[in-house]
Amino acid sequence: MKAWLLIGVLFVLPASAEVFTYVDAQGNRVFTDQPKPGNAKRVPLATSNRMSAAPSASPGTAKKFEQKPLFHYDLLRVLVPEPDATVRSTAGEIIVSITSEPGLQKGHSYRLLLDGKPTAEPGISPVFPLTNIDRGTHQLSVEILDEQGRTVERTANQPFHMQRMSLAQKRKVKPCALPDYGQRPECPLADKPAEEKNPFLRFF
């Protein structure tokens, strides 16, 4: 009972008030904010815990940390060439085509990477013509960038193989005929055989 009386007094009294205690005629411990002459003693009070309100972020700070969430594409892949395809081109040329679902969003752009390096500046066209690619196996991947330059989506590396036919190989596939000399690079005029003379002309 005495403990409850003390708790009640502490809640009711303002933080700056003093608390006194004494024993009344019936032997009960009494707590009060009024000093009583005689045997009343002041009760020391512990300092109350007070927390200042957290400073609210200014509008400028809130905008600084506010970022637009990244858009999610359901599909992004390289259509042409197909994975592990073999491309034959004397000049090392290839046309890469990509697709995404949904279509490219406003402010977004495609960027094609060949062996991990961008082939050109990001753009909205899903078709990328490439030239003079070295012989061998290469990796293609494509990514979508937002207006802030952040990567929204990116595909895994997709291999393809470039076979560049040399002039000698091309000549083997299609041997040079007389009309081809001077017309096809692999058939230079210097190698053109002399034309046979008409055997009947020597009698005139």
N, C-alpha and C. Protein backbone atom coordinates (compact mmCIF):
# COMPACT_ATOMS: atom_id res chain seq x y z
N MET A 1 0.84 -1.21 0.00
CA MET A 1 0.00 0.00 0.00
C MET A 1 0.87 1.24 0.00
N LYS A 2 1.93 1.22 0.79
CA LYS A 2 2.82 2.37 0.86
C LYS A 2 3.49 2.61 -0.48
N ALA A 3 3.85 1.52 -1.16
CA ALA A 3 4.50 1.66 -2.47
C ALA A 3 3.57 2.31 -3.48
N TRP A 4 2.28 1.90 -3.46
CA TRP A 4 1.31 2.50 -4.41
C TRP A 4 1.10 3.97 -4.11
N LEU A 5 1.10 4.33 -2.87
CA LEU A 5 0.96 5.75 -2.53
C LEU A 5 2.12 6.56 -3.09
N LEU A 6 3.32 6.00 -2.98
CA LEU A 6 4.50 6.71 -3.51
C LEU A 6 4.42 6.85 -5.02
N ILE A 7 4.02 5.76 -5.72
CA ILE A 7 3.90 5.83 -7.18
C ILE A 7 2.87 6.85 -7.60
N GLY A 8 1.73 6.87 -6.87
CA GLY A 8 0.68 7.82 -7.21
C GLY A 8 1.15 9.24 -7.04
N VAL A 9 1.88 9.52 -5.97
CA VAL A 9 2.38 10.87 -5.74
C VAL A 9 3.35 11.28 -6.84
N LEU A 10 4.23 10.34 -7.24
CA LEU A 10 5.23 10.66 -8.26
C LEU A 10 4.59 10.98 -9.60
N PHE A 11 3.49 10.32 -9.94
CA PHE A 11 2.81 10.59 -11.20
C PHE A 11 2.03 11.89 -11.18
N VAL A 12 1.46 12.22 -10.01
CA VAL A 12 0.61 13.41 -9.91
C VAL A 12 1.42 14.67 -9.80
N LEU A 13 2.51 14.61 -9.05
CA LEU A 13 3.28 15.83 -8.80
C LEU A 13 4.07 16.23 -10.02
N PRO A 14 4.22 17.51 -10.24
CA PRO A 14 5.07 17.97 -11.33
C PRO A 14 6.51 17.59 -11.06
N ALA A 15 7.31 17.57 -12.14
CA ALA A 15 8.68 17.09 -12.02
C ALA A 15 9.50 17.95 -11.08
N SER A 16 9.19 19.25 -10.96
CA SER A 16 9.98 20.17 -10.13
C SER A 16 9.55 20.19 -8.67
N ALA A 17 8.39 19.50 -8.31
CA ALA A 17 7.89 19.53 -6.92
C ALA A 17 8.75 18.65 -6.03
N GLU A 18 8.69 18.93 -4.71
CA GLU A 18 9.40 18.13 -3.72
C GLU A 18 8.41 17.20 -3.03
N VAL A 19 8.90 16.05 -2.59
CA VAL A 19 8.06 15.06 -1.92
C VAL A 19 8.58 14.87 -0.50
N PHE A 20 7.65 14.87 0.41
CA PHE A 20 8.00 14.68 1.83
C PHE A 20 7.27 13.46 2.36
N THR A 21 7.83 12.84 3.36
CA THR A 21 7.21 11.66 3.95
C THR A 21 7.28 11.75 5.48
N TYR A 22 6.27 11.18 6.12
CA TYR A 22 6.25 11.11 7.58
C TYR A 22 5.33 9.97 7.99
N VAL A 23 5.34 9.63 9.28
CA VAL A 23 4.49 8.57 9.83
C VAL A 23 3.41 9.23 10.66
N ASP A 24 2.15 8.93 10.30
CA ASP A 24 1.04 9.58 11.02
C ASP A 24 0.80 8.90 12.37
N ALA A 25 -0.25 9.35 13.04
CA ALA A 25 -0.54 8.84 14.40
C ALA A 25 -0.90 7.37 14.40
N GLN A 26 -1.42 6.87 13.29
CA GLN A 26 -1.79 5.46 13.20
C GLN A 26 -0.63 4.58 12.75
N GLY A 27 0.51 5.18 12.51
CA GLY A 27 1.69 4.41 12.11
C GLY A 27 1.83 4.18 10.62
N ASN A 28 1.03 4.89 9.82
CA ASN A 28 1.09 4.73 8.36
C ASN A 28 2.09 5.71 7.76
N ARG A 29 2.80 5.24 6.77
CA ARG A 29 3.73 6.09 6.05
C ARG A 29 2.95 6.96 5.07
N VAL A 30 3.14 8.26 5.13
CA VAL A 30 2.39 9.20 4.30
C VAL A 30 3.39 9.97 3.43
N PHE A 31 3.02 10.16 2.17
CA PHE A 31 3.81 10.97 1.23
C PHE A 31 2.99 12.18 0.83
N THR A 32 3.62 13.34 0.81
CA THR A 32 2.91 14.57 0.49
C THR A 32 3.89 15.58 -0.11
N ASP A 33 3.31 16.59 -0.78
CA ASP A 33 4.17 17.66 -1.32
C ASP A 33 4.26 18.85 -0.36
N GLN A 34 3.60 18.73 0.80
CA GLN A 34 3.62 19.80 1.78
C GLN A 34 4.52 19.39 2.95
N PRO A 35 5.50 20.22 3.26
CA PRO A 35 6.36 19.87 4.41
C PRO A 35 5.54 19.93 5.71
N LYS A 36 5.70 18.95 6.55
CA LYS A 36 4.95 18.89 7.82
C LYS A 36 5.94 19.08 8.96
N PRO A 37 5.65 20.01 9.80
CA PRO A 37 6.60 20.24 10.92
C PRO A 37 6.74 18.98 11.75
N GLY A 38 7.93 18.76 12.20
CA GLY A 38 8.14 17.59 13.05
C GLY A 38 9.01 16.56 12.38
N ASN A 39 8.43 15.38 12.11
CA ASN A 39 9.24 14.27 11.61
C ASN A 39 9.18 14.10 10.09
N ALA A 40 8.63 15.04 9.32
CA ALA A 40 8.56 14.93 7.86
C ALA A 40 9.96 15.06 7.27
N LYS A 41 10.28 14.16 6.34
CA LYS A 41 11.57 14.18 5.66
C LYS A 41 11.36 14.29 4.15
N ARG A 42 12.30 14.99 3.53
CA ARG A 42 12.21 15.15 2.06
C ARG A 42 12.71 13.88 1.39
N VAL A 43 11.97 13.44 0.39
CA VAL A 43 12.33 12.23 -0.37
C VAL A 43 13.12 12.65 -1.60
N PRO A 44 14.38 12.17 -1.74
CA PRO A 44 15.16 12.50 -2.94
C PRO A 44 14.55 11.83 -4.17
N LEU A 45 14.40 12.58 -5.23
CA LEU A 45 13.82 12.07 -6.49
C LEU A 45 14.91 11.94 -7.54
N ALA A 46 14.86 10.83 -8.28
CA ALA A 46 15.81 10.63 -9.38
C ALA A 46 15.45 11.53 -10.56
N THR A 47 16.48 11.89 -11.31
CA THR A 47 16.24 12.74 -12.48
C THR A 47 15.44 11.96 -13.51
N SER A 48 14.39 12.58 -14.03
CA SER A 48 13.54 11.89 -15.01
C SER A 48 14.24 11.79 -16.36
N ASN A 49 13.92 10.73 -17.11
CA ASN A 49 14.47 10.57 -18.46
C ASN A 49 13.64 11.36 -19.45
N ARG A 50 14.29 12.24 -20.14
CA ARG A 50 13.61 13.05 -21.14
C ARG A 50 14.38 12.96 -22.46
N MET A 51 13.66 12.66 -23.54
CA MET A 51 14.27 12.56 -24.85
C MET A 51 13.74 13.66 -25.75
N SER A 52 14.66 14.37 -26.34
CA SER A 52 14.22 15.41 -27.27
C SER A 52 13.71 14.77 -28.54
N ALA A 53 12.74 15.41 -29.15
CA ALA A 53 12.15 14.88 -30.37
C ALA A 53 13.18 14.84 -31.47
N ALA A 54 13.15 13.77 -32.28
CA ALA A 54 14.11 13.65 -33.38
C ALA A 54 13.88 14.76 -34.39
N PRO A 55 14.94 15.43 -34.81
CA PRO A 55 14.76 16.51 -35.78
C PRO A 55 14.19 15.98 -37.08
N SER A 56 13.18 16.65 -37.57
CA SER A 56 12.55 16.22 -38.82
C SER A 56 13.41 16.60 -40.00
N ALA A 57 13.45 15.72 -41.00
CA ALA A 57 14.27 15.98 -42.19
C ALA A 57 13.66 17.11 -42.99
N SER A 58 14.52 17.97 -43.46
CA SER A 58 14.05 19.08 -44.27
C SER A 58 13.61 18.57 -45.63
N PRO A 59 12.72 19.29 -46.33
CA PRO A 59 12.26 18.84 -47.65
C PRO A 59 13.40 18.60 -48.62
N GLY A 60 14.43 19.44 -48.54
CA GLY A 60 15.56 19.28 -49.45
C GLY A 60 16.29 17.97 -49.20
N THR A 61 16.44 17.61 -47.91
CA THR A 61 17.11 16.36 -47.58
C THR A 61 16.30 15.16 -48.02
N ALA A 62 14.98 15.24 -47.86
CA ALA A 62 14.11 14.13 -48.27
C ALA A 62 14.20 13.90 -49.77
N LYS A 63 14.23 14.97 -50.55
CA LYS A 63 14.32 14.83 -52.00
C LYS A 63 15.66 14.24 -52.41
N LYS A 64 16.69 14.58 -51.64
CA LYS A 64 18.03 14.12 -51.98
C LYS A 64 18.12 12.61 -51.92
N PHE A 65 17.46 12.00 -50.91
CA PHE A 65 17.54 10.57 -50.73
C PHE A 65 16.40 9.82 -51.40
N GLU A 66 15.47 10.53 -51.98
CA GLU A 66 14.34 9.88 -52.63
C GLU A 66 14.75 9.41 -54.01
N GLN A 67 14.60 8.15 -54.30
CA GLN A 67 14.95 7.60 -55.60
C GLN A 67 13.76 6.85 -56.18
N LYS A 68 13.60 7.04 -57.47
CA LYS A 68 12.51 6.35 -58.15
C LYS A 68 12.84 4.87 -58.25
N PRO A 69 11.93 3.98 -57.88
CA PRO A 69 12.23 2.54 -57.95
C PRO A 69 12.46 2.10 -59.38
N LEU A 70 13.32 1.10 -59.56
CA LEU A 70 13.64 0.60 -60.88
C LEU A 70 12.46 -0.17 -61.46
N PHE A 71 12.23 0.03 -62.77
CA PHE A 71 11.17 -0.68 -63.48
C PHE A 71 11.64 -2.11 -63.75
N HIS A 72 10.72 -3.05 -63.72
CA HIS A 72 11.08 -4.46 -63.95
C HIS A 72 10.52 -4.92 -65.29
N TYR A 73 11.40 -5.49 -66.13
CA TYR A 73 10.99 -6.07 -67.41
C TYR A 73 10.82 -7.58 -67.23
N ASP A 74 9.76 -8.10 -67.83
CA ASP A 74 9.50 -9.53 -67.73
C ASP A 74 10.45 -10.34 -68.61
N LEU A 75 10.93 -9.72 -69.71
CA LEU A 75 11.78 -10.45 -70.64
C LEU A 75 12.76 -9.50 -71.30
N LEU A 76 14.00 -9.96 -71.43
CA LEU A 76 15.02 -9.23 -72.18
C LEU A 76 16.00 -10.27 -72.70
N ARG A 77 16.15 -10.34 -74.05
CA ARG A 77 17.05 -11.34 -74.59
C ARG A 77 17.51 -10.94 -75.99
N VAL A 78 18.58 -11.61 -76.43
CA VAL A 78 19.11 -11.42 -77.78
C VAL A 78 18.40 -12.41 -78.70
N LEU A 79 17.73 -11.88 -79.75
CA LEU A 79 17.03 -12.73 -80.70
C LEU A 79 17.98 -13.30 -81.75
N VAL A 80 18.79 -12.43 -82.33
CA VAL A 80 19.72 -12.80 -83.40
C VAL A 80 21.08 -12.22 -83.04
N PRO A 81 22.13 -13.04 -83.06
CA PRO A 81 22.15 -14.48 -83.39
C PRO A 81 21.67 -15.32 -82.22
N GLU A 82 21.32 -16.56 -82.53
CA GLU A 82 20.90 -17.48 -81.49
C GLU A 82 22.10 -17.91 -80.65
N PRO A 83 21.86 -18.41 -79.45
CA PRO A 83 22.98 -18.84 -78.61
C PRO A 83 23.85 -19.89 -79.30
N ASP A 84 25.15 -19.70 -79.24
CA ASP A 84 26.15 -20.64 -79.79
C ASP A 84 26.07 -20.73 -81.31
N ALA A 85 25.55 -19.69 -81.95
CA ALA A 85 25.44 -19.70 -83.41
C ALA A 85 26.80 -19.45 -84.05
N THR A 86 26.95 -19.93 -85.27
CA THR A 86 28.15 -19.69 -86.06
C THR A 86 27.82 -18.73 -87.19
N VAL A 87 28.55 -17.64 -87.25
CA VAL A 87 28.32 -16.61 -88.26
C VAL A 87 29.50 -16.61 -89.22
N ARG A 88 29.21 -16.71 -90.51
CA ARG A 88 30.25 -16.69 -91.53
C ARG A 88 30.17 -15.38 -92.30
N SER A 89 31.25 -14.63 -92.25
CA SER A 89 31.28 -13.34 -92.93
C SER A 89 32.73 -12.98 -93.24
N THR A 90 32.98 -12.67 -94.50
CA THR A 90 34.34 -12.30 -94.89
C THR A 90 34.78 -11.02 -94.21
N ALA A 91 33.84 -10.06 -94.06
CA ALA A 91 34.16 -8.77 -93.43
C ALA A 91 33.91 -8.77 -91.93
N GLY A 92 33.51 -9.90 -91.35
CA GLY A 92 33.23 -9.95 -89.92
C GLY A 92 32.01 -9.16 -89.53
N GLU A 93 30.98 -9.22 -90.35
CA GLU A 93 29.77 -8.43 -90.11
C GLU A 93 28.68 -9.30 -89.49
N ILE A 94 27.89 -8.67 -88.64
CA ILE A 94 26.76 -9.34 -88.01
C ILE A 94 25.74 -8.28 -87.59
N ILE A 95 24.47 -8.64 -87.67
CA ILE A 95 23.40 -7.76 -87.20
C ILE A 95 22.76 -8.41 -85.98
N VAL A 96 22.81 -7.71 -84.85
CA VAL A 96 22.27 -8.22 -83.59
C VAL A 96 20.89 -7.61 -83.36
N SER A 97 19.94 -8.45 -83.04
CA SER A 97 18.58 -7.99 -82.77
C SER A 97 18.18 -8.43 -81.36
N ILE A 98 17.54 -7.53 -80.62
CA ILE A 98 17.13 -7.83 -79.25
C ILE A 98 15.64 -7.54 -79.08
N THR A 99 15.08 -8.06 -78.01
CA THR A 99 13.67 -7.82 -77.72
C THR A 99 13.47 -7.75 -76.21
N SER A 100 12.40 -7.06 -75.80
CA SER A 100 12.06 -6.95 -74.38
C SER A 100 10.55 -6.93 -74.23
N GLU A 101 10.09 -7.44 -73.11
CA GLU A 101 8.66 -7.39 -72.76
C GLU A 101 8.52 -6.90 -71.33
N PRO A 102 7.73 -5.83 -71.12
CA PRO A 102 7.10 -5.01 -72.15
C PRO A 102 8.14 -4.26 -72.96
N GLY A 103 7.66 -3.48 -73.94
CA GLY A 103 8.58 -2.73 -74.77
C GLY A 103 9.34 -1.69 -73.96
N LEU A 104 10.32 -1.10 -74.62
CA LEU A 104 11.19 -0.13 -73.96
C LEU A 104 10.36 1.03 -73.39
N GLN A 105 10.55 1.32 -72.11
CA GLN A 105 9.80 2.37 -71.43
C GLN A 105 10.39 3.75 -71.73
N LYS A 106 9.59 4.77 -71.51
CA LYS A 106 10.02 6.15 -71.77
C LYS A 106 11.22 6.50 -70.89
N GLY A 107 12.24 7.06 -71.50
CA GLY A 107 13.45 7.42 -70.78
C GLY A 107 14.47 6.31 -70.69
N HIS A 108 14.12 5.08 -71.10
CA HIS A 108 15.03 3.96 -71.06
C HIS A 108 15.74 3.80 -72.41
N SER A 109 16.83 3.05 -72.41
CA SER A 109 17.59 2.84 -73.65
C SER A 109 18.29 1.49 -73.59
N TYR A 110 18.55 0.93 -74.80
CA TYR A 110 19.28 -0.33 -74.92
C TYR A 110 20.78 -0.04 -75.07
N ARG A 111 21.60 -0.95 -74.55
CA ARG A 111 23.03 -0.88 -74.80
C ARG A 111 23.55 -2.30 -75.01
N LEU A 112 24.21 -2.50 -76.13
CA LEU A 112 24.75 -3.81 -76.48
C LEU A 112 26.22 -3.90 -76.07
N LEU A 113 26.59 -5.04 -75.48
CA LEU A 113 27.96 -5.26 -75.07
C LEU A 113 28.54 -6.45 -75.81
N LEU A 114 29.71 -6.27 -76.37
CA LEU A 114 30.44 -7.34 -77.04
C LEU A 114 31.68 -7.64 -76.21
N ASP A 115 31.75 -8.86 -75.70
CA ASP A 115 32.84 -9.26 -74.81
C ASP A 115 32.97 -8.31 -73.63
N GLY A 116 31.82 -7.87 -73.10
CA GLY A 116 31.79 -7.03 -71.90
C GLY A 116 32.00 -5.55 -72.15
N LYS A 117 32.17 -5.14 -73.41
CA LYS A 117 32.41 -3.73 -73.71
C LYS A 117 31.29 -3.18 -74.59
N PRO A 118 30.80 -1.95 -74.30
CA PRO A 118 29.73 -1.37 -75.11
C PRO A 118 30.17 -1.22 -76.57
N THR A 119 29.25 -1.55 -77.48
CA THR A 119 29.55 -1.42 -78.90
C THR A 119 29.22 -0.03 -79.44
N ALA A 120 28.36 0.69 -78.74
CA ALA A 120 27.95 2.03 -79.16
C ALA A 120 27.25 2.71 -78.00
N GLU A 121 26.88 3.98 -78.20
CA GLU A 121 26.14 4.71 -77.18
C GLU A 121 24.74 4.11 -77.02
N PRO A 122 24.16 4.15 -75.81
CA PRO A 122 22.80 3.63 -75.60
C PRO A 122 21.80 4.32 -76.52
N GLY A 123 20.80 3.56 -76.97
CA GLY A 123 19.78 4.12 -77.85
C GLY A 123 18.50 3.32 -77.73
N ILE A 124 17.50 3.75 -78.49
CA ILE A 124 16.18 3.10 -78.41
C ILE A 124 16.01 2.02 -79.48
N SER A 125 16.94 1.92 -80.42
CA SER A 125 16.82 0.91 -81.48
C SER A 125 17.20 -0.46 -80.95
N PRO A 126 16.39 -1.50 -81.26
CA PRO A 126 16.71 -2.86 -80.83
C PRO A 126 17.60 -3.61 -81.83
N VAL A 127 18.12 -2.91 -82.83
CA VAL A 127 18.95 -3.55 -83.86
C VAL A 127 20.33 -2.90 -83.85
N PHE A 128 21.37 -3.74 -83.82
CA PHE A 128 22.75 -3.25 -83.74
C PHE A 128 23.59 -3.90 -84.84
N PRO A 129 23.97 -3.16 -85.89
CA PRO A 129 24.88 -3.71 -86.90
C PRO A 129 26.33 -3.60 -86.43
N LEU A 130 27.05 -4.71 -86.49
CA LEU A 130 28.45 -4.75 -86.08
C LEU A 130 29.31 -5.16 -87.27
N THR A 131 30.51 -4.60 -87.35
CA THR A 131 31.41 -4.91 -88.45
C THR A 131 32.81 -5.20 -87.92
N ASN A 132 33.59 -5.88 -88.75
CA ASN A 132 35.00 -6.15 -88.50
C ASN A 132 35.22 -6.85 -87.15
N ILE A 133 34.41 -7.85 -86.89
CA ILE A 133 34.57 -8.65 -85.68
C ILE A 133 35.62 -9.73 -85.95
N ASP A 134 36.55 -9.89 -85.05
CA ASP A 134 37.62 -10.86 -85.24
C ASP A 134 37.09 -12.29 -85.26
N ARG A 135 37.86 -13.15 -85.87
CA ARG A 135 37.52 -14.57 -85.86
C ARG A 135 37.53 -15.10 -84.43
N GLY A 136 36.71 -16.10 -84.20
CA GLY A 136 36.71 -16.74 -82.89
C GLY A 136 35.37 -16.63 -82.18
N THR A 137 35.38 -17.02 -80.91
CA THR A 137 34.17 -17.02 -80.09
C THR A 137 34.05 -15.71 -79.32
N HIS A 138 32.86 -15.14 -79.33
CA HIS A 138 32.61 -13.87 -78.66
C HIS A 138 31.37 -14.00 -77.78
N GLN A 139 31.22 -13.04 -76.86
CA GLN A 139 30.08 -13.02 -75.94
C GLN A 139 29.26 -11.76 -76.17
N LEU A 140 27.95 -11.96 -76.30
CA LEU A 140 27.02 -10.84 -76.44
C LEU A 140 26.14 -10.74 -75.21
N SER A 141 25.86 -9.52 -74.80
CA SER A 141 24.87 -9.28 -73.74
C SER A 141 24.26 -7.91 -74.00
N VAL A 142 23.07 -7.71 -73.47
CA VAL A 142 22.38 -6.44 -73.65
C VAL A 142 21.83 -5.98 -72.32
N GLU A 143 21.81 -4.68 -72.11
CA GLU A 143 21.27 -4.13 -70.88
C GLU A 143 20.36 -2.95 -71.19
N ILE A 144 19.46 -2.67 -70.27
CA ILE A 144 18.55 -1.53 -70.36
C ILE A 144 18.94 -0.54 -69.28
N LEU A 145 19.12 0.70 -69.69
CA LEU A 145 19.49 1.77 -68.76
C LEU A 145 18.32 2.72 -68.60
N ASP A 146 18.17 3.29 -67.39
CA ASP A 146 17.13 4.31 -67.19
C ASP A 146 17.71 5.69 -67.45
N GLU A 147 16.89 6.72 -67.21
CA GLU A 147 17.32 8.08 -67.52
C GLU A 147 18.46 8.56 -66.64
N GLN A 148 18.69 7.88 -65.52
CA GLN A 148 19.80 8.22 -64.63
C GLN A 148 21.06 7.40 -64.91
N GLY A 149 21.00 6.55 -65.95
CA GLY A 149 22.16 5.73 -66.29
C GLY A 149 22.28 4.47 -65.46
N ARG A 150 21.26 4.16 -64.66
CA ARG A 150 21.30 2.94 -63.85
C ARG A 150 20.89 1.74 -64.69
N THR A 151 21.48 0.59 -64.43
CA THR A 151 21.15 -0.63 -65.15
C THR A 151 19.85 -1.20 -64.59
N VAL A 152 18.82 -1.24 -65.43
CA VAL A 152 17.51 -1.76 -65.02
C VAL A 152 17.47 -3.27 -65.20
N GLU A 153 17.90 -3.74 -66.37
CA GLU A 153 17.95 -5.18 -66.65
C GLU A 153 19.21 -5.47 -67.45
N ARG A 154 19.71 -6.71 -67.34
CA ARG A 154 20.86 -7.13 -68.13
C ARG A 154 20.79 -8.64 -68.35
N THR A 155 21.10 -9.05 -69.57
CA THR A 155 21.08 -10.47 -69.88
C THR A 155 22.41 -11.11 -69.53
N ALA A 156 22.39 -12.42 -69.44
CA ALA A 156 23.64 -13.16 -69.28
C ALA A 156 24.40 -13.16 -70.61
N ASN A 157 25.69 -13.46 -70.56
CA ASN A 157 26.48 -13.53 -71.77
C ASN A 157 25.99 -14.66 -72.68
N GLN A 158 25.91 -14.37 -73.97
CA GLN A 158 25.44 -15.34 -74.96
C GLN A 158 26.53 -15.51 -76.02
N PRO A 159 27.09 -16.72 -76.17
CA PRO A 159 28.21 -16.90 -77.08
C PRO A 159 27.78 -17.03 -78.54
N PHE A 160 28.64 -16.60 -79.43
CA PHE A 160 28.51 -16.88 -80.86
C PHE A 160 29.91 -17.00 -81.44
N HIS A 161 30.01 -17.61 -82.62
CA HIS A 161 31.30 -17.89 -83.22
C HIS A 161 31.38 -17.20 -84.59
N MET A 162 32.42 -16.43 -84.77
CA MET A 162 32.62 -15.71 -86.03
C MET A 162 33.65 -16.44 -86.88
N GLN A 163 33.24 -16.79 -88.10
CA GLN A 163 34.14 -17.39 -89.07
C GLN A 163 34.29 -16.43 -90.25
N ARG A 164 35.48 -15.92 -90.43
CA ARG A 164 35.76 -15.01 -91.54
C ARG A 164 36.51 -15.77 -92.61
N MET A 165 35.91 -15.87 -93.77
CA MET A 165 36.50 -16.62 -94.87
C MET A 165 37.60 -15.80 -95.52
N SER A 166 38.77 -16.39 -95.64
CA SER A 166 39.87 -15.70 -96.31
C SER A 166 39.67 -15.73 -97.81
N LEU A 167 40.43 -14.90 -98.53
CA LEU A 167 40.32 -14.87 -99.99
C LEU A 167 40.71 -16.22 -100.59
N ALA A 168 41.69 -16.85 -99.96
CA ALA A 168 42.10 -18.16 -100.48
C ALA A 168 40.99 -19.18 -100.30
N GLN A 169 40.31 -19.13 -99.14
CA GLN A 169 39.21 -20.06 -98.90
C GLN A 169 38.06 -19.78 -99.84
N LYS A 170 37.80 -18.48 -100.06
CA LYS A 170 36.71 -18.12 -100.96
C LYS A 170 37.00 -18.59 -102.38
N ARG A 171 38.28 -18.53 -102.75
CA ARG A 171 38.65 -18.96 -104.10
C ARG A 171 38.47 -20.46 -104.24
N LYS A 172 38.72 -21.21 -103.14
CA LYS A 172 38.52 -22.64 -103.18
C LYS A 172 37.04 -22.99 -103.34
N VAL A 173 36.19 -22.22 -102.64
CA VAL A 173 34.75 -22.48 -102.73
C VAL A 173 34.24 -22.21 -104.14
N LYS A 174 34.70 -21.10 -104.73
CA LYS A 174 34.31 -20.75 -106.08
C LYS A 174 35.56 -20.37 -106.86
N PRO A 175 36.13 -21.31 -107.57
CA PRO A 175 37.37 -21.03 -108.32
C PRO A 175 37.16 -19.89 -109.31
N CYS A 176 38.23 -19.16 -109.53
CA CYS A 176 38.17 -18.02 -110.43
C CYS A 176 38.01 -18.47 -111.88
N ALA A 177 37.08 -17.87 -112.53
CA ALA A 177 36.93 -18.04 -113.98
C ALA A 177 37.47 -16.80 -114.66
N LEU A 178 37.68 -16.87 -115.94
CA LEU A 178 38.27 -15.73 -116.65
C LEU A 178 37.52 -14.42 -116.42
N PRO A 179 36.18 -14.43 -116.43
CA PRO A 179 35.46 -13.15 -116.21
C PRO A 179 35.63 -12.61 -114.79
N ASP A 180 36.08 -13.45 -113.85
CA ASP A 180 36.19 -13.01 -112.46
C ASP A 180 37.45 -12.20 -112.19
N TYR A 181 38.48 -12.35 -113.03
CA TYR A 181 39.73 -11.63 -112.77
C TYR A 181 39.51 -10.13 -112.94
N GLY A 182 39.88 -9.39 -111.91
CA GLY A 182 39.66 -7.95 -111.90
C GLY A 182 38.31 -7.56 -111.31
N GLN A 183 37.45 -8.57 -111.09
CA GLN A 183 36.12 -8.31 -110.53
C GLN A 183 36.03 -8.76 -109.07
N ARG A 184 36.62 -9.90 -108.79
CA ARG A 184 36.62 -10.42 -107.42
C ARG A 184 37.98 -10.16 -106.79
N PRO A 185 38.01 -9.72 -105.51
CA PRO A 185 39.30 -9.40 -104.86
C PRO A 185 40.26 -10.58 -104.85
N GLU A 186 39.72 -11.78 -104.74
CA GLU A 186 40.60 -12.95 -104.70
C GLU A 186 41.06 -13.38 -106.09
N CYS A 187 40.64 -12.66 -107.11
CA CYS A 187 41.03 -12.98 -108.49
C CYS A 187 41.70 -11.76 -109.12
N PRO A 188 42.94 -11.44 -108.72
CA PRO A 188 43.58 -10.24 -109.28
C PRO A 188 43.96 -10.43 -110.76
N LEU A 189 44.03 -9.31 -111.45
CA LEU A 189 44.37 -9.35 -112.87
C LEU A 189 45.77 -9.91 -113.11
N ALA A 190 46.66 -9.72 -112.13
CA ALA A 190 48.03 -10.22 -112.31
C ALA A 190 48.06 -11.73 -112.42
N ASP A 191 47.08 -12.39 -111.89
CA ASP A 191 47.03 -13.85 -111.97
C ASP A 191 46.20 -14.36 -113.14
N LYS A 192 45.66 -13.43 -113.92
CA LYS A 192 44.80 -13.85 -115.02
C LYS A 192 45.63 -14.55 -116.09
N PRO A 193 45.26 -15.77 -116.44
CA PRO A 193 46.03 -16.48 -117.47
C PRO A 193 45.84 -15.84 -118.84
N ALA A 194 46.82 -16.02 -119.67
CA ALA A 194 46.75 -15.46 -121.03
C ALA A 194 45.65 -16.16 -121.79
N GLU A 195 44.92 -15.39 -122.58
CA GLU A 195 43.84 -15.96 -123.36
C GLU A 195 44.43 -16.77 -124.52
N GLU A 196 43.82 -17.87 -124.80
CA GLU A 196 44.27 -18.71 -125.90
C GLU A 196 43.92 -18.06 -127.24
N LYS A 197 44.88 -18.12 -128.16
CA LYS A 197 44.65 -17.57 -129.48
C LYS A 197 43.87 -18.57 -130.33
N ASN A 198 43.08 -18.02 -131.22
CA ASN A 198 42.31 -18.86 -132.13
C ASN A 198 43.28 -19.55 -133.11
N PRO A 199 43.30 -20.86 -133.15
CA PRO A 199 44.26 -21.56 -134.00
C PRO A 199 44.08 -21.26 -135.48
N PHE A 200 42.90 -20.79 -135.88
CA PHE A 200 42.66 -20.52 -137.29
C PHE A 200 43.26 -19.19 -137.75
N LEU A 201 43.57 -18.29 -136.73
CA LEU A 201 44.09 -16.98 -137.10
C LEU A 201 45.52 -17.03 -137.64
N ARG A 202 46.28 -18.10 -137.33
CA ARG A 202 47.65 -18.15 -137.77
C ARG A 202 47.78 -18.42 -139.27
N PHE A 203 46.71 -18.81 -139.91
CA PHE A 203 46.76 -19.05 -141.37
C PHE A 203 46.49 -17.77 -142.16
N PHE A 204 46.17 -16.68 -141.45
CA PHE A 204 45.89 -15.42 -142.17
C PHE A 204 47.02 -14.44 -141.96
